[in-house]
Amino acid sequence: MPGHNPYAVFPFAVNLLVVVAQCYLVISGRKFTHTKRVVAGFGGCSVVLLLLPIVVTLSTSVNFYMTFLVLVIFGAFSGTA
């Protein structure tokens, strides 16, 4: 997207839901074992990282926003890992 610097925007996308996921786990952390949280977090991160190269190669009008969305989802999973 012209006029936007990905180096300034994408870190916010990754860290956007990390705090939300961490707060959720602090509040309801006894429902899930540590092993389930780690497996779900790293499993979700691996699926998102497999999808990221596909999303980046989309058309130029869509790939910035789709990459941002995928990185937000990655942040949520990395907050639970």
PDB file of N, CA and C in Angstrom:
ATOM      1  N   MET A   1       0.847  -1.170   0.000  1.00  0.00           N
ATOM      2  CA  MET A   1       0.000   0.000   0.000  1.00  0.00           C
ATOM      3  C   MET A   1       0.894   1.236   0.000  1.00  0.00           C
ATOM      4  N   PRO A   2       0.697   2.140  -0.941  1.00  0.00           N
ATOM      5  CA  PRO A   2       1.546   3.327  -1.000  1.00  0.00           C
ATOM      6  C   PRO A   2       1.325   4.235   0.205  1.00  0.00           C
ATOM      7  N   GLY A   3       2.401   4.769   0.689  1.00  0.00           N
ATOM      8  CA  GLY A   3       2.313   5.696   1.806  1.00  0.00           C
ATOM      9  C   GLY A   3       2.402   5.053   3.178  1.00  0.00           C
ATOM     10  N   HIS A   4       2.427   3.726   3.259  1.00  0.00           N
ATOM     11  CA  HIS A   4       2.532   3.047   4.539  1.00  0.00           C
ATOM     12  C   HIS A   4       3.856   2.299   4.615  1.00  0.00           C
ATOM     13  N   ASN A   5       4.461   2.361   5.749  1.00  0.00           N
ATOM     14  CA  ASN A   5       5.731   1.686   5.972  1.00  0.00           C
ATOM     15  C   ASN A   5       5.456   0.385   6.721  1.00  0.00           C
ATOM     16  N   PRO A   6       5.655  -0.779   6.088  1.00  0.00           N
ATOM     17  CA  PRO A   6       5.365  -2.042   6.774  1.00  0.00           C
ATOM     18  C   PRO A   6       6.212  -2.248   8.023  1.00  0.00           C
ATOM     19  N   TYR A   7       7.399  -1.661   8.047  1.00  0.00           N
ATOM     20  CA  TYR A   7       8.257  -1.828   9.223  1.00  0.00           C
ATOM     21  C   TYR A   7       7.681  -1.125  10.444  1.00  0.00           C
ATOM     22  N   ALA A   8       6.813  -0.155  10.236  1.00  0.00           N
ATOM     23  CA  ALA A   8       6.184   0.541  11.352  1.00  0.00           C
ATOM     24  C   ALA A   8       4.813  -0.030  11.686  1.00  0.00           C
ATOM     25  N   VAL A   9       4.146  -0.685  10.736  1.00  0.00           N
ATOM     26  CA  VAL A   9       2.779  -1.151  10.933  1.00  0.00           C
ATOM     27  C   VAL A   9       2.727  -2.598  11.393  1.00  0.00           C
ATOM     28  N   PHE A  10       3.523  -3.477  10.807  1.00  0.00           N
ATOM     29  CA  PHE A  10       3.425  -4.909  11.091  1.00  0.00           C
ATOM     30  C   PHE A  10       3.781  -5.288  12.531  1.00  0.00           C
ATOM     31  N   PRO A  11       4.720  -4.606  13.214  1.00  0.00           N
ATOM     32  CA  PRO A  11       4.915  -4.946  14.639  1.00  0.00           C
ATOM     33  C   PRO A  11       3.671  -4.713  15.493  1.00  0.00           C
ATOM     34  N   PHE A  12       2.892  -3.698  15.169  1.00  0.00           N
ATOM     35  CA  PHE A  12       1.645  -3.478  15.899  1.00  0.00           C
ATOM     36  C   PHE A  12       0.644  -4.595  15.616  1.00  0.00           C
ATOM     37  N   ALA A  13       0.656  -5.100  14.396  1.00  0.00           N
ATOM     38  CA  ALA A  13      -0.251  -6.201  14.051  1.00  0.00           C
ATOM     39  C   ALA A  13       0.091  -7.447  14.852  1.00  0.00           C
ATOM     40  N   VAL A  14       1.371  -7.737  15.000  1.00  0.00           N
ATOM     41  CA  VAL A  14       1.771  -8.938  15.731  1.00  0.00           C
ATOM     42  C   VAL A  14       1.448  -8.801  17.211  1.00  0.00           C
ATOM     43  N   ASN A  15       1.674  -7.647  17.777  1.00  0.00           N
ATOM     44  CA  ASN A  15       1.519  -7.479  19.219  1.00  0.00           C
ATOM     45  C   ASN A  15       0.132  -7.020  19.637  1.00  0.00           C
ATOM     46  N   LEU A  16      -0.781  -6.842  18.695  1.00  0.00           N
ATOM     47  CA  LEU A  16      -2.109  -6.335  19.014  1.00  0.00           C
ATOM     48  C   LEU A  16      -2.882  -7.277  19.941  1.00  0.00           C
ATOM     49  N   LEU A  17      -2.929  -8.549  19.615  1.00  0.00           N
ATOM     50  CA  LEU A  17      -3.701  -9.493  20.420  1.00  0.00           C
ATOM     51  C   LEU A  17      -2.870 -10.293  21.422  1.00  0.00           C
ATOM     52  N   VAL A  18      -1.576 -10.042  21.475  1.00  0.00           N
ATOM     53  CA  VAL A  18      -0.755 -10.737  22.472  1.00  0.00           C
ATOM     54  C   VAL A  18      -1.219 -10.356  23.875  1.00  0.00           C
ATOM     55  N   VAL A  19      -1.447  -9.096  24.104  1.00  0.00           N
ATOM     56  CA  VAL A  19      -1.883  -8.623  25.419  1.00  0.00           C
ATOM     57  C   VAL A  19      -3.273  -9.159  25.746  1.00  0.00           C
ATOM     58  N   VAL A  20      -4.161  -9.174  24.768  1.00  0.00           N
ATOM     59  CA  VAL A  20      -5.511  -9.681  24.994  1.00  0.00           C
ATOM     60  C   VAL A  20      -5.470 -11.168  25.335  1.00  0.00           C
ATOM     61  N   ALA A  21      -4.679 -11.928  24.606  1.00  0.00           N
ATOM     62  CA  ALA A  21      -4.579 -13.363  24.870  1.00  0.00           C
ATOM     63  C   ALA A  21      -3.963 -13.629  26.243  1.00  0.00           C
ATOM     64  N   GLN A  22      -2.962 -12.852  26.610  1.00  0.00           N
ATOM     65  CA  GLN A  22      -2.345 -13.031  27.922  1.00  0.00           C
ATOM     66  C   GLN A  22      -3.320 -12.688  29.050  1.00  0.00           C
ATOM     67  N   CYS A  23      -4.089 -11.621  28.889  1.00  0.00           N
ATOM     68  CA  CYS A  23      -5.083 -11.270  29.916  1.00  0.00           C
ATOM     69  C   CYS A  23      -6.154 -12.346  30.026  1.00  0.00           C
ATOM     70  N   TYR A  24      -6.577 -12.888  28.896  1.00  0.00           N
ATOM     71  CA  TYR A  24      -7.573 -13.964  28.925  1.00  0.00           C
ATOM     72  C   TYR A  24      -7.026 -15.187  29.661  1.00  0.00           C
ATOM     73  N   LEU A  25      -5.772 -15.512  29.430  1.00  0.00           N
ATOM     74  CA  LEU A  25      -5.191 -16.675  30.104  1.00  0.00           C
ATOM     75  C   LEU A  25      -4.974 -16.431  31.592  1.00  0.00           C
ATOM     76  N   VAL A  26      -4.724 -15.196  31.975  1.00  0.00           N
ATOM     77  CA  VAL A  26      -4.593 -14.892  33.403  1.00  0.00           C
ATOM     78  C   VAL A  26      -5.944 -15.056  34.093  1.00  0.00           C
ATOM     79  N   ILE A  27      -7.007 -14.624  33.429  1.00  0.00           N
ATOM     80  CA  ILE A  27      -8.342 -14.703  34.029  1.00  0.00           C
ATOM     81  C   ILE A  27      -8.862 -16.136  34.033  1.00  0.00           C
ATOM     82  N   SER A  28      -8.721 -16.847  32.924  1.00  0.00           N
ATOM     83  CA  SER A  28      -9.293 -18.187  32.818  1.00  0.00           C
ATOM     84  C   SER A  28      -8.225 -19.251  32.588  1.00  0.00           C
ATOM     85  N   GLY A  29      -7.089 -19.071  33.167  1.00  0.00           N
ATOM     86  CA  GLY A  29      -5.977 -19.974  32.915  1.00  0.00           C
ATOM     87  C   GLY A  29      -6.120 -21.357  33.521  1.00  0.00           C
ATOM     88  N   ARG A  30      -6.954 -21.503  34.527  1.00  0.00           N
ATOM     89  CA  ARG A  30      -7.102 -22.817  35.167  1.00  0.00           C
ATOM     90  C   ARG A  30      -7.912 -23.793  34.326  1.00  0.00           C
ATOM     91  N   LYS A  31      -8.611 -23.297  33.298  1.00  0.00           N
ATOM     92  CA  LYS A  31      -9.387 -24.187  32.436  1.00  0.00           C
ATOM     93  C   LYS A  31      -8.498 -25.028  31.535  1.00  0.00           C
ATOM     94  N   PHE A  32      -7.330 -24.488  31.186  1.00  0.00           N
ATOM     95  CA  PHE A  32      -6.453 -25.145  30.228  1.00  0.00           C
ATOM     96  C   PHE A  32      -5.138 -25.507  30.895  1.00  0.00           C
ATOM     97  N   THR A  33      -4.652 -26.700  30.607  1.00  0.00           N
ATOM     98  CA  THR A  33      -3.354 -27.085  31.147  1.00  0.00           C
ATOM     99  C   THR A  33      -2.264 -26.361  30.367  1.00  0.00           C
ATOM    100  N   HIS A  34      -1.080 -26.351  30.950  1.00  0.00           N
ATOM    101  CA  HIS A  34       0.051 -25.689  30.299  1.00  0.00           C
ATOM    102  C   HIS A  34       0.381 -26.356  28.965  1.00  0.00           C
ATOM    103  N   THR A  35       0.289 -27.669  28.931  1.00  0.00           N
ATOM    104  CA  THR A  35       0.593 -28.399  27.703  1.00  0.00           C
ATOM    105  C   THR A  35      -0.393 -28.057  26.594  1.00  0.00           C
ATOM    106  N   LYS A  36      -1.671 -27.972  26.915  1.00  0.00           N
ATOM    107  CA  LYS A  36      -2.678 -27.618  25.903  1.00  0.00           C
ATOM    108  C   LYS A  36      -2.460 -26.211  25.368  1.00  0.00           C
ATOM    109  N   ARG A  37      -2.104 -25.277  26.236  1.00  0.00           N
ATOM    110  CA  ARG A  37      -1.858 -23.908  25.786  1.00  0.00           C
ATOM    111  C   ARG A  37      -0.661 -23.837  24.858  1.00  0.00           C
ATOM    112  N   VAL A  38       0.413 -24.529  25.200  1.00  0.00           N
ATOM    113  CA  VAL A  38       1.618 -24.481  24.385  1.00  0.00           C
ATOM    114  C   VAL A  38       1.392 -25.168  23.038  1.00  0.00           C
ATOM    115  N   VAL A  39       0.736 -26.331  23.053  1.00  0.00           N
ATOM    116  CA  VAL A  39       0.485 -27.045  21.800  1.00  0.00           C
ATOM    117  C   VAL A  39      -0.454 -26.243  20.900  1.00  0.00           C
ATOM    118  N   ALA A  40      -1.514 -25.685  21.465  1.00  0.00           N
ATOM    119  CA  ALA A  40      -2.437 -24.883  20.656  1.00  0.00           C
ATOM    120  C   ALA A  40      -1.761 -23.616  20.135  1.00  0.00           C
ATOM    121  N   GLY A  41      -0.974 -22.973  20.967  1.00  0.00           N
ATOM    122  CA  GLY A  41      -0.295 -21.742  20.547  1.00  0.00           C
ATOM    123  C   GLY A  41       0.708 -21.974  19.439  1.00  0.00           C
ATOM    124  N   PHE A  42       1.600 -22.942  19.642  1.00  0.00           N
ATOM    125  CA  PHE A  42       2.609 -23.201  18.616  1.00  0.00           C
ATOM    126  C   PHE A  42       2.013 -23.856  17.380  1.00  0.00           C
ATOM    127  N   GLY A  43       0.973 -24.663  17.547  1.00  0.00           N
ATOM    128  CA  GLY A  43       0.294 -25.245  16.390  1.00  0.00           C
ATOM    129  C   GLY A  43      -0.365 -24.172  15.535  1.00  0.00           C
ATOM    130  N   GLY A  44      -1.040 -23.233  16.193  1.00  0.00           N
ATOM    131  CA  GLY A  44      -1.651 -22.124  15.463  1.00  0.00           C
ATOM    132  C   GLY A  44      -0.625 -21.232  14.797  1.00  0.00           C
ATOM    133  N   CYS A  45       0.483 -20.982  15.497  1.00  0.00           N
ATOM    134  CA  CYS A  45       1.564 -20.182  14.897  1.00  0.00           C
ATOM    135  C   CYS A  45       2.128 -20.852  13.655  1.00  0.00           C
ATOM    136  N   SER A  46       2.280 -22.172  13.708  1.00  0.00           N
ATOM    137  CA  SER A  46       2.846 -22.866  12.553  1.00  0.00           C
ATOM    138  C   SER A  46       1.894 -22.828  11.358  1.00  0.00           C
ATOM    139  N   VAL A  47       0.589 -22.953  11.603  1.00  0.00           N
ATOM    140  CA  VAL A  47      -0.380 -22.878  10.501  1.00  0.00           C
ATOM    141  C   VAL A  47      -0.389 -21.475   9.893  1.00  0.00           C
ATOM    142  N   VAL A  48      -0.343 -20.468  10.744  1.00  0.00           N
ATOM    143  CA  VAL A  48      -0.336 -19.091  10.252  1.00  0.00           C
ATOM    144  C   VAL A  48       0.932 -18.815   9.450  1.00  0.00           C
ATOM    145  N   LEU A  49       2.074 -19.312   9.913  1.00  0.00           N
ATOM    146  CA  LEU A  49       3.318 -19.094   9.184  1.00  0.00           C
ATOM    147  C   LEU A  49       3.348 -19.857   7.870  1.00  0.00           C
ATOM    148  N   LEU A  50       2.606 -20.948   7.773  1.00  0.00           N
ATOM    149  CA  LEU A  50       2.481 -21.636   6.485  1.00  0.00           C
ATOM    150  C   LEU A  50       1.617 -20.828   5.516  1.00  0.00           C
ATOM    151  N   LEU A  51       0.632 -20.111   6.038  1.00  0.00           N
ATOM    152  CA  LEU A  51      -0.254 -19.305   5.194  1.00  0.00           C
ATOM    153  C   LEU A  51       0.351 -17.962   4.790  1.00  0.00           C
ATOM    154  N   LEU A  52       1.305 -17.478   5.545  1.00  0.00           N
ATOM    155  CA  LEU A  52       1.843 -16.139   5.308  1.00  0.00           C
ATOM    156  C   LEU A  52       2.470 -15.964   3.920  1.00  0.00           C
ATOM    157  N   PRO A  53       3.287 -16.882   3.410  1.00  0.00           N
ATOM    158  CA  PRO A  53       3.828 -16.687   2.057  1.00  0.00           C
ATOM    159  C   PRO A  53       2.753 -16.664   0.973  1.00  0.00           C
ATOM    160  N   ILE A  54       1.680 -17.388   1.185  1.00  0.00           N
ATOM    161  CA  ILE A  54       0.582 -17.382   0.207  1.00  0.00           C
ATOM    162  C   ILE A  54      -0.123 -16.029   0.219  1.00  0.00           C
ATOM    163  N   VAL A  55      -0.332 -15.483   1.404  1.00  0.00           N
ATOM    164  CA  VAL A  55      -1.033 -14.205   1.530  1.00  0.00           C
ATOM    165  C   VAL A  55      -0.193 -13.063   0.959  1.00  0.00           C
ATOM    166  N   VAL A  56       1.111 -13.133   1.132  1.00  0.00           N
ATOM    167  CA  VAL A  56       1.987 -12.054   0.671  1.00  0.00           C
ATOM    168  C   VAL A  56       2.000 -11.959  -0.854  1.00  0.00           C
ATOM    169  N   THR A  57       1.796 -13.066  -1.530  1.00  0.00           N
ATOM    170  CA  THR A  57       1.853 -13.052  -2.988  1.00  0.00           C
ATOM    171  C   THR A  57       0.518 -12.703  -3.652  1.00  0.00           C
ATOM    172  N   LEU A  58      -0.471 -12.271  -2.904  1.00  0.00           N
ATOM    173  CA  LEU A  58      -1.747 -11.840  -3.489  1.00  0.00           C
ATOM    174  C   LEU A  58      -1.554 -10.521  -4.236  1.00  0.00           C
ATOM    175  N   SER A  59      -2.603 -10.038  -4.845  1.00  0.00           N
ATOM    176  CA  SER A  59      -2.503  -8.777  -5.590  1.00  0.00           C
ATOM    177  C   SER A  59      -2.133  -7.630  -4.654  1.00  0.00           C
ATOM    178  N   THR A  60      -1.531  -6.607  -5.210  1.00  0.00           N
ATOM    179  CA  THR A  60      -0.991  -5.527  -4.386  1.00  0.00           C
ATOM    180  C   THR A  60      -2.059  -4.731  -3.650  1.00  0.00           C
ATOM    181  N   SER A  61      -3.283  -4.732  -4.110  1.00  0.00           N
ATOM    182  CA  SER A  61      -4.327  -3.974  -3.412  1.00  0.00           C
ATOM    183  C   SER A  61      -4.851  -4.712  -2.183  1.00  0.00           C
ATOM    184  N   VAL A  62      -4.593  -6.015  -2.103  1.00  0.00           N
ATOM    185  CA  VAL A  62      -5.150  -6.825  -1.027  1.00  0.00           C
ATOM    186  C   VAL A  62      -4.087  -7.323  -0.059  1.00  0.00           C
ATOM    187  N   ASN A  63      -2.868  -7.517  -0.516  1.00  0.00           N
ATOM    188  CA  ASN A  63      -1.898  -8.236   0.308  1.00  0.00           C
ATOM    189  C   ASN A  63      -1.499  -7.484   1.574  1.00  0.00           C
ATOM    190  N   PHE A  64      -1.489  -6.159   1.572  1.00  0.00           N
ATOM    191  CA  PHE A  64      -1.135  -5.426   2.786  1.00  0.00           C
ATOM    192  C   PHE A  64      -2.142  -5.700   3.901  1.00  0.00           C
ATOM    193  N   TYR A  65      -3.422  -5.608   3.577  1.00  0.00           N
ATOM    194  CA  TYR A  65      -4.464  -5.807   4.583  1.00  0.00           C
ATOM    195  C   TYR A  65      -4.572  -7.271   5.008  1.00  0.00           C
ATOM    196  N   MET A  66      -4.417  -8.180   4.078  1.00  0.00           N
ATOM    197  CA  MET A  66      -4.470  -9.602   4.415  1.00  0.00           C
ATOM    198  C   MET A  66      -3.268 -10.006   5.261  1.00  0.00           C
ATOM    199  N   THR A  67      -2.105  -9.468   4.946  1.00  0.00           N
ATOM    200  CA  THR A  67      -0.924  -9.742   5.759  1.00  0.00           C
ATOM    201  C   THR A  67      -1.105  -9.189   7.164  1.00  0.00           C
ATOM    202  N   PHE A  68      -1.687  -8.003   7.274  1.00  0.00           N
ATOM    203  CA  PHE A  68      -1.965  -7.420   8.580  1.00  0.00           C
ATOM    204  C   PHE A  68      -2.907  -8.325   9.373  1.00  0.00           C
ATOM    205  N   LEU A  69      -3.959  -8.811   8.734  1.00  0.00           N
ATOM    206  CA  LEU A  69      -4.918  -9.687   9.395  1.00  0.00           C
ATOM    207  C   LEU A  69      -4.277 -10.999   9.836  1.00  0.00           C
ATOM    208  N   VAL A  70      -3.473 -11.580   8.983  1.00  0.00           N
ATOM    209  CA  VAL A  70      -2.798 -12.836   9.328  1.00  0.00           C
ATOM    210  C   VAL A  70      -1.824 -12.622  10.481  1.00  0.00           C
ATOM    211  N   LEU A  71      -1.143 -11.494  10.508  1.00  0.00           N
ATOM    212  CA  LEU A  71      -0.221 -11.221  11.611  1.00  0.00           C
ATOM    213  C   LEU A  71      -0.952 -10.952  12.924  1.00  0.00           C
ATOM    214  N   VAL A  72      -2.150 -10.400  12.862  1.00  0.00           N
ATOM    215  CA  VAL A  72      -2.954 -10.226  14.089  1.00  0.00           C
ATOM    216  C   VAL A  72      -3.334 -11.599  14.647  1.00  0.00           C
ATOM    217  N   ILE A  73      -3.725 -12.515  13.780  1.00  0.00           N
ATOM    218  CA  ILE A  73      -4.062 -13.870  14.216  1.00  0.00           C
ATOM    219  C   ILE A  73      -2.821 -14.564  14.766  1.00  0.00           C
ATOM    220  N   PHE A  74      -1.677 -14.335  14.124  1.00  0.00           N
ATOM    221  CA  PHE A  74      -0.418 -14.883  14.629  1.00  0.00           C
ATOM    222  C   PHE A  74      -0.118 -14.357  16.030  1.00  0.00           C
ATOM    223  N   GLY A  75      -0.386 -13.087  16.262  1.00  0.00           N
ATOM    224  CA  GLY A  75      -0.167 -12.506  17.591  1.00  0.00           C
ATOM    225  C   GLY A  75      -1.040 -13.140  18.652  1.00  0.00           C
ATOM    226  N   ALA A  76      -2.270 -13.458  18.296  1.00  0.00           N
ATOM    227  CA  ALA A  76      -3.165 -14.119  19.262  1.00  0.00           C
ATOM    228  C   ALA A  76      -2.632 -15.499  19.622  1.00  0.00           C
ATOM    229  N   PHE A  77      -2.189 -16.249  18.638  1.00  0.00           N
ATOM    230  CA  PHE A  77      -1.643 -17.574  18.928  1.00  0.00           C
ATOM    231  C   PHE A  77      -0.315 -17.482  19.688  1.00  0.00           C
ATOM    232  N   SER A  78       0.511 -16.506  19.359  1.00  0.00           N
ATOM    233  CA  SER A  78       1.781 -16.409  20.070  1.00  0.00           C
ATOM    234  C   SER A  78       1.585 -15.900  21.497  1.00  0.00           C
ATOM    235  N   GLY A  79       0.472 -15.235  21.757  1.00  0.00           N
ATOM    236  CA  GLY A  79       0.172 -14.840  23.129  1.00  0.00           C
ATOM    237  C   GLY A  79      -0.239 -16.016  23.996  1.00  0.00           C
ATOM    238  N   THR A  80      -0.783 -17.066  23.390  1.00  0.00           N
ATOM    239  CA  THR A  80      -1.161 -18.246  24.170  1.00  0.00           C
ATOM    240  C   THR A  80      -0.022 -19.249  24.300  1.00  0.00           C
ATOM    241  N   ALA A  81       0.978 -19.147  23.455  1.00  0.00           N
ATOM    242  CA  ALA A  81       2.093 -20.105  23.496  1.00  0.00           C
ATOM    243  C   ALA A  81       3.044 -19.802  24.623  1.00  0.00           C
TER     244      ALA A  81
END
